[in-house]
Amino acid sequence: APLKSIFLVSRPLEMSAKKPVPFLRQVVPVRKKVQRDPRFDDLSGEYKPDIFMKTYSFLDSIKQQEKEMVQKQLKKCRNVEQKEKLQRLLNRMTQQEQAQKKQQKLRERELSLKRQQRELAKQGKKPFFLKKSEKRKLELAEKYAELKRSGKLESFLNKKRKRNAIKDKRHLPSQKNL
């Protein structure tokens, strides 16, 4: 007898075919799956780049191995289309690597500034926080020093001059109007 009651509850409701279907009929509610995006969900915890980088540092070695494999394939490859494809992939890999290094440098710079502020606070001095423009100036100065060290400063400045000259030309009145 108890088994019969279980089957009665879970079976669909029988309705007469002769009666018209009511406008607001009762439908069995189905629990909708709520999809979570871990990037924006609090359940996943707070994103801390330092911890993330330490946890997934093994990926860097894997990426390096993949890059070496692509380089080997590029040397062996004879097909022009395949070679172009591999070259694009290699370029993308190097760009991602450079971007990651740049992000790491930014993070380290910010951390060093925070440490300095903490030291000043411990000494009893009032903390001083840099504005965005000041941070940008420091970044430019660092870039300048790095370019000077590597010997690419002159070419960089020439490119910058050309770019600025083109921008200035655009703002000048054209010869047609004179």
Protein backbone atom coordinates (compact mmCIF):
# COMPACT_ATOMS: atom_id res chain seq x y z
CA ALA A 1 0.00 0.00 0.00
CA PRO A 2 2.75 2.58 0.74
CA LEU A 3 4.33 2.04 -2.71
CA LYS A 4 1.04 2.88 -4.40
CA SER A 5 0.93 6.32 -2.75
CA ILE A 6 4.41 7.20 -4.01
CA PHE A 7 3.43 6.49 -7.60
CA LEU A 8 0.21 8.48 -7.27
CA VAL A 9 2.08 11.61 -6.14
CA SER A 10 4.74 11.62 -8.84
CA ARG A 11 2.52 10.79 -11.81
CA PRO A 12 1.21 13.56 -14.10
CA LEU A 13 -2.24 15.00 -13.48
CA GLU A 14 -4.94 13.56 -15.77
CA MET A 15 -7.31 16.08 -17.31
CA SER A 16 -10.38 15.67 -19.45
CA ALA A 17 -9.89 16.37 -23.15
CA LYS A 18 -13.45 17.68 -23.41
CA LYS A 19 -12.94 20.62 -21.08
CA PRO A 20 -11.10 23.67 -22.43
CA VAL A 21 -7.63 24.25 -20.97
CA PRO A 22 -7.74 27.02 -18.34
CA PHE A 23 -5.91 30.22 -19.22
CA LEU A 24 -3.64 30.07 -16.17
CA ARG A 25 -3.07 26.35 -15.84
CA GLN A 26 -1.10 24.88 -12.97
CA VAL A 27 2.32 23.75 -14.17
CA VAL A 28 4.65 21.68 -12.02
CA PRO A 29 7.41 24.06 -10.92
CA VAL A 30 10.85 22.97 -12.12
CA ARG A 31 13.84 24.20 -10.17
CA LYS A 32 15.89 26.32 -12.49
CA LYS A 33 19.65 25.79 -12.38
CA VAL A 34 21.32 28.99 -11.31
CA GLN A 35 24.59 29.38 -13.14
CA ARG A 36 27.40 30.95 -11.19
CA ASP A 37 30.17 33.04 -12.65
CA PRO A 38 33.14 32.58 -10.30
CA ARG A 39 34.62 35.94 -11.36
CA PHE A 40 31.75 37.87 -9.77
CA ASP A 41 30.55 35.47 -7.10
CA ASP A 42 31.42 35.91 -3.43
CA LEU A 43 31.38 32.15 -2.86
CA SER A 44 34.59 31.86 -4.86
CA GLY A 45 36.45 34.18 -2.53
CA GLU A 46 38.36 37.37 -3.13
CA TYR A 47 40.84 37.59 -6.03
CA LYS A 48 44.37 38.18 -4.80
CA PRO A 49 46.86 38.35 -7.67
CA ASP A 50 49.88 37.36 -5.57
CA ILE A 51 48.25 34.19 -4.30
CA PHE A 52 46.93 33.43 -7.77
CA MET A 53 50.40 33.80 -9.31
CA LYS A 54 51.98 31.56 -6.65
CA THR A 55 49.28 28.90 -7.03
CA TYR A 56 49.46 28.75 -10.81
CA SER A 57 53.20 29.39 -11.24
CA PHE A 58 53.59 25.90 -12.73
CA LEU A 59 51.72 27.14 -15.82
CA ASP A 60 54.66 29.39 -16.72
CA SER A 61 56.93 26.38 -17.26
CA ILE A 62 54.25 24.67 -19.36
CA LYS A 63 53.82 27.81 -21.47
CA GLN A 64 57.60 27.98 -21.96
CA GLN A 65 57.66 24.36 -23.15
CA GLU A 66 54.80 25.06 -25.57
CA LYS A 67 56.63 28.10 -26.89
CA GLU A 68 59.77 26.03 -27.52
CA MET A 69 57.69 23.40 -29.30
CA VAL A 70 56.13 26.05 -31.56
CA GLN A 71 59.60 27.44 -32.32
CA LYS A 72 60.84 23.96 -33.30
CA GLN A 73 57.78 23.39 -35.49
CA LEU A 74 58.32 26.79 -37.10
CA LYS A 75 61.90 25.85 -38.05
CA LYS A 76 60.83 22.51 -39.52
CA CYS A 77 57.71 23.77 -41.31
CA ARG A 78 57.83 24.22 -45.11
CA ASN A 79 54.19 25.08 -45.77
CA VAL A 80 53.78 28.87 -46.10
CA GLU A 81 50.28 29.04 -44.60
CA GLN A 82 51.21 26.77 -41.70
CA LYS A 83 54.37 28.81 -41.12
CA GLU A 84 52.35 32.07 -40.97
CA LYS A 85 49.92 30.48 -38.53
CA LEU A 86 52.75 29.28 -36.29
CA GLN A 87 54.44 32.70 -36.47
CA ARG A 88 51.23 34.42 -35.35
CA LEU A 89 50.88 31.94 -32.50
CA LEU A 90 54.49 32.52 -31.44
CA ASN A 91 53.99 36.31 -31.56
CA ARG A 92 50.86 36.02 -29.43
CA MET A 93 52.69 33.86 -26.89
CA THR A 94 55.55 36.35 -26.60
CA GLN A 95 53.13 39.26 -26.28
CA GLN A 96 51.23 37.49 -23.51
CA GLU A 97 54.51 36.78 -21.75
CA GLN A 98 55.58 40.42 -21.99
CA ALA A 99 52.18 41.62 -20.76
CA GLN A 100 52.41 39.27 -17.78
CA LYS A 101 55.89 40.57 -16.92
CA LYS A 102 54.63 44.15 -17.20
CA GLN A 103 51.72 43.39 -14.86
CA GLN A 104 54.11 41.76 -12.42
CA LYS A 105 56.36 44.84 -12.44
CA LEU A 106 53.36 47.12 -11.83
CA ARG A 107 52.26 44.96 -8.91
CA GLU A 108 55.75 44.93 -7.42
CA ARG A 109 56.01 48.72 -7.75
CA GLU A 110 52.65 49.21 -6.03
CA LEU A 111 53.64 46.81 -3.26
CA SER A 112 56.93 48.65 -2.69
CA LEU A 113 55.05 51.97 -2.47
CA LYS A 114 52.64 50.44 0.05
CA ARG A 115 55.55 49.14 2.11
CA GLN A 116 57.13 52.59 2.14
CA GLN A 117 53.83 54.11 3.29
CA ARG A 118 53.57 51.54 6.09
CA GLU A 119 57.11 52.34 7.23
CA LEU A 120 56.33 56.06 7.27
CA ALA A 121 53.12 55.38 9.21
CA LYS A 122 55.06 53.33 11.77
CA GLN A 123 57.45 56.24 12.24
CA GLY A 124 54.45 58.44 12.98
CA LYS A 125 54.42 60.40 9.73
CA LYS A 126 51.30 61.13 7.78
CA PRO A 127 50.82 58.76 4.81
CA PHE A 128 51.16 60.30 1.35
CA PHE A 129 49.45 58.65 -1.60
CA LEU A 130 50.54 59.32 -5.17
CA LYS A 131 48.06 60.61 -7.71
CA LYS A 132 47.51 58.74 -10.94
CA SER A 133 49.45 61.37 -12.87
CA GLU A 134 52.41 61.05 -10.48
CA LYS A 135 52.38 57.27 -10.86
CA ARG A 136 52.36 57.71 -14.63
CA LYS A 137 55.35 60.06 -14.44
CA LEU A 138 57.28 57.53 -12.35
CA GLU A 139 56.38 54.82 -14.85
CA LEU A 140 57.63 56.97 -17.74
CA ALA A 141 60.87 57.73 -15.93
CA GLU A 142 61.40 54.03 -15.32
CA LYS A 143 60.67 53.23 -18.98
CA TYR A 144 63.14 55.94 -20.05
CA ALA A 145 65.86 54.50 -17.81
CA GLU A 146 65.22 50.98 -19.12
CA LEU A 147 65.36 52.15 -22.76
CA LYS A 148 68.58 54.03 -22.06
CA ARG A 149 70.08 50.93 -20.48
CA SER A 150 69.12 48.71 -23.44
CA GLY A 151 70.27 51.30 -26.02
CA LYS A 152 66.87 51.63 -27.70
CA LEU A 153 66.16 55.12 -26.41
CA GLU A 154 67.05 56.99 -29.60
CA SER A 155 64.86 54.83 -31.86
CA PHE A 156 61.96 55.12 -29.38
CA LEU A 157 62.27 58.92 -29.25
CA ASN A 158 62.43 59.12 -33.07
CA LYS A 159 59.22 57.09 -33.38
CA LYS A 160 57.56 59.28 -30.75
CA ARG A 161 58.62 62.45 -32.62
CA LYS A 162 57.21 61.10 -35.88
CA ARG A 163 53.93 60.19 -34.20
CA ASN A 164 53.64 63.63 -32.62
CA ALA A 165 54.50 65.33 -35.94
CA ILE A 166 51.67 63.44 -37.67
CA LYS A 167 49.26 64.46 -34.89
CA ASP A 168 50.37 68.10 -35.19
CA LYS A 169 49.96 68.03 -38.96
CA ARG A 170 46.36 66.93 -38.56
CA HIS A 171 45.59 69.96 -36.42
CA LEU A 172 47.22 72.45 -38.81
CA PRO A 173 44.97 74.12 -41.39
CA SER A 174 45.21 72.41 -44.77
CA GLN A 175 46.78 74.06 -47.85
CA LYS A 176 43.41 74.01 -49.63
CA ASN A 177 41.89 76.44 -47.16
CA LEU A 178 44.67 79.05 -47.55
